[in-house]
C-alpha atoms as a PDB file:
ATOM      1  CA  MET A   1       0.037   0.050  -0.018  1.00  0.00           C
ATOM      2  CA  SER A   2       1.466   3.395  -1.042  1.00  0.00           C
ATOM      3  CA  ARG A   3       0.589   6.530   0.732  1.00  0.00           C
ATOM      4  CA  TYR A   4       1.054  10.282   0.258  1.00  0.00           C
ATOM      5  CA  ARG A   5       0.381  13.038   2.859  1.00  0.00           C
ATOM      6  CA  GLY A   6       1.121  16.548   1.963  1.00  0.00           C
ATOM      7  CA  PRO A   7       0.228  19.636  -0.067  1.00  0.00           C
ATOM      8  CA  ALA A   8      -1.750  19.387  -3.336  1.00  0.00           C
ATOM      9  CA  THR A   9      -3.900  21.620  -5.635  1.00  0.00           C
ATOM     10  CA  LEU A  10      -7.504  20.860  -6.624  1.00  0.00           C
ATOM     11  CA  ILE A  11      -8.273  22.235 -10.109  1.00  0.00           C
ATOM     12  CA  SER A  12     -11.892  22.635 -11.324  1.00  0.00           C
ATOM     13  CA  SER A  13     -13.045  22.167 -14.914  1.00  0.00           C
ATOM     14  CA  ASP A  14     -13.115  26.007 -15.269  1.00  0.00           C
ATOM     15  CA  GLY A  15      -9.324  26.247 -14.134  1.00  0.00           C
ATOM     16  CA  ALA A  16      -9.965  27.465 -10.600  1.00  0.00           C
ATOM     17  CA  GLU A  17      -7.243  26.196  -8.276  1.00  0.00           C
ATOM     18  CA  VAL A  18      -7.191  25.928  -4.522  1.00  0.00           C
ATOM     19  CA  GLU A  19      -4.424  24.525  -2.291  1.00  0.00           C
ATOM     20  CA  VAL A  20      -5.326  21.741  -0.115  1.00  0.00           C
ATOM     21  CA  TYR A  21      -3.707  19.145   2.192  1.00  0.00           C
ATOM     22  CA  VAL A  22      -4.308  15.467   1.162  1.00  0.00           C
ATOM     23  CA  ASP A  23      -3.934  12.006   2.842  1.00  0.00           C
ATOM     24  CA  LEU A  24      -3.982   9.695  -0.082  1.00  0.00           C
ATOM     25  CA  ARG A  25      -3.484   5.871  -0.110  1.00  0.00           C
ATOM     26  CA  THR A  26      -3.751   2.945  -2.615  1.00  0.00           C
ATOM     27  CA  LYS A  27      -5.584  -0.307  -1.769  1.00  0.00           C
ATOM     28  CA  GLN A  28      -4.934  -2.936  -4.431  1.00  0.00           C
ATOM     29  CA  ARG A  29      -5.907  -1.085  -7.655  1.00  0.00           C
ATOM     30  CA  GLU A  30      -7.843   1.617  -6.262  1.00  0.00           C
ATOM     31  CA  TRP A  31      -6.877   4.852  -4.637  1.00  0.00           C
ATOM     32  CA  SER A  32      -8.706   7.309  -2.456  1.00  0.00           C
ATOM     33  CA  GLY A  33      -8.152   9.660   0.631  1.00  0.00           C
ATOM     34  CA  THR A  34      -9.235  13.066   1.939  1.00  0.00           C
ATOM     35  CA  ALA A  35      -8.422  16.614   1.560  1.00  0.00           C
ATOM     36  CA  THR A  36      -8.372  19.376   3.980  1.00  0.00           C
ATOM     37  CA  ILE A  37      -9.870  22.451   2.283  1.00  0.00           C
ATOM     38  CA  GLY A  38     -10.145  25.867   3.949  1.00  0.00           C
ATOM     39  CA  ASP A  39     -12.552  27.927   1.701  1.00  0.00           C
ATOM     40  CA  PHE A  40     -13.642  26.089  -1.326  1.00  0.00           C
ATOM     41  CA  ASP A  41     -16.909  25.801  -3.269  1.00  0.00           C
ATOM     42  CA  ALA A  42     -17.481  22.098  -3.931  1.00  0.00           C
ATOM     43  CA  THR A  43     -20.739  22.678  -5.667  1.00  0.00           C
ATOM     44  CA  GLY A  44     -21.282  21.873  -9.329  1.00  0.00           C
ATOM     45  CA  LEU A  45     -19.292  19.160 -11.064  1.00  0.00           C
ATOM     46  CA  ASN A  46     -17.629  16.914  -8.687  1.00  0.00           C
ATOM     47  CA  ASP A  47     -14.826  15.770 -11.057  1.00  0.00           C
ATOM     48  CA  ARG A  48     -11.589  17.634 -10.429  1.00  0.00           C
ATOM     49  CA  THR A  49      -7.905  17.354 -11.281  1.00  0.00           C
ATOM     50  CA  LEU A  50      -5.435  16.806  -8.408  1.00  0.00           C
ATOM     51  CA  ARG A  51      -1.956  18.072  -8.896  1.00  0.00           C
ATOM     52  CA  LEU A  52       0.899  17.225  -6.610  1.00  0.00           C
ATOM     53  CA  PRO A  53       3.804  19.671  -6.044  1.00  0.00           C
ATOM     54  CA  ASP A  54       6.046  17.649  -8.372  1.00  0.00           C
ATOM     55  CA  GLY A  55       3.520  18.315 -11.201  1.00  0.00           C
ATOM     56  CA  ARG A  56       1.933  14.865 -11.527  1.00  0.00           C
ATOM     57  CA  GLU A  57      -1.790  15.009 -11.923  1.00  0.00           C
ATOM     58  CA  ALA A  58      -4.835  12.663 -11.769  1.00  0.00           C
ATOM     59  CA  GLN A  59      -8.457  12.780 -11.956  1.00  0.00           C
ATOM     60  CA  VAL A  60     -10.505  12.789  -8.685  1.00  0.00           C
ATOM     61  CA  THR A  61     -14.338  12.765  -7.739  1.00  0.00           C
ATOM     62  CA  LEU A  62     -15.234  14.755  -4.599  1.00  0.00           C
ATOM     63  CA  GLY A  63     -17.072  12.870  -2.082  1.00  0.00           C
ATOM     64  CA  SER A  64     -18.967  13.754   0.951  1.00  0.00           C
ATOM     65  CA  SER A  65     -18.195  16.248   3.694  1.00  0.00           C
ATOM     66  CA  ALA A  66     -20.004  17.001   6.969  1.00  0.00           C
ATOM     67  CA  ALA A  67     -21.480  20.481   6.881  1.00  0.00           C
ATOM     68  CA  TRP A  68     -19.276  21.656   9.707  1.00  0.00           C
ATOM     69  CA  SER A  69     -16.113  19.892   8.340  1.00  0.00           C
ATOM     70  CA  ASP A  70     -13.413  21.244   6.044  1.00  0.00           C
ATOM     71  CA  VAL A  71     -12.384  17.555   5.140  1.00  0.00           C
ATOM     72  CA  ILE A  72     -13.831  16.031   1.972  1.00  0.00           C
ATOM     73  CA  THR A  73     -13.340  12.632   0.588  1.00  0.00           C
ATOM     74  CA  LEU A  74     -11.700  12.019  -2.712  1.00  0.00           C
ATOM     75  CA  GLU A  75     -11.875   8.860  -5.029  1.00  0.00           C
ATOM     76  CA  GLY A  76      -9.060   8.599  -7.596  1.00  0.00           C
ATOM     77  CA  SER A  77      -9.403   7.589 -11.208  1.00  0.00           C
ATOM     78  CA  GLY A  78      -6.622   6.012 -13.079  1.00  0.00           C
ATOM     79  CA  PRO A  79      -3.233   5.504 -11.764  1.00  0.00           C
ATOM     80  CA  PRO A  80      -2.287   7.181  -8.508  1.00  0.00           C
ATOM     81  CA  PRO A  81       0.072  10.289  -8.943  1.00  0.00           C
ATOM     82  CA  PHE A  82       2.021   9.215  -5.863  1.00  0.00           C
ATOM     83  CA  ALA A  83       2.930   5.606  -6.382  1.00  0.00           C
END
């Protein structure tokens, strides 16, 4: 199981970027995790691009988050950018 904890950037389909802190892990052929997001509008399309500091990117789908929480779940698509 591979894991990445650290800074990343979430990019919306219109190019808006927001800095986040992610905790990502692989499990067999899938990868997922969470992102801590300060002030971010997660409405609209839930598919985003996740960029790591070294420039590697992957597609993610934003999941659920409690109304009072700044942590949102992420489901990765394709190969993980950190393995």
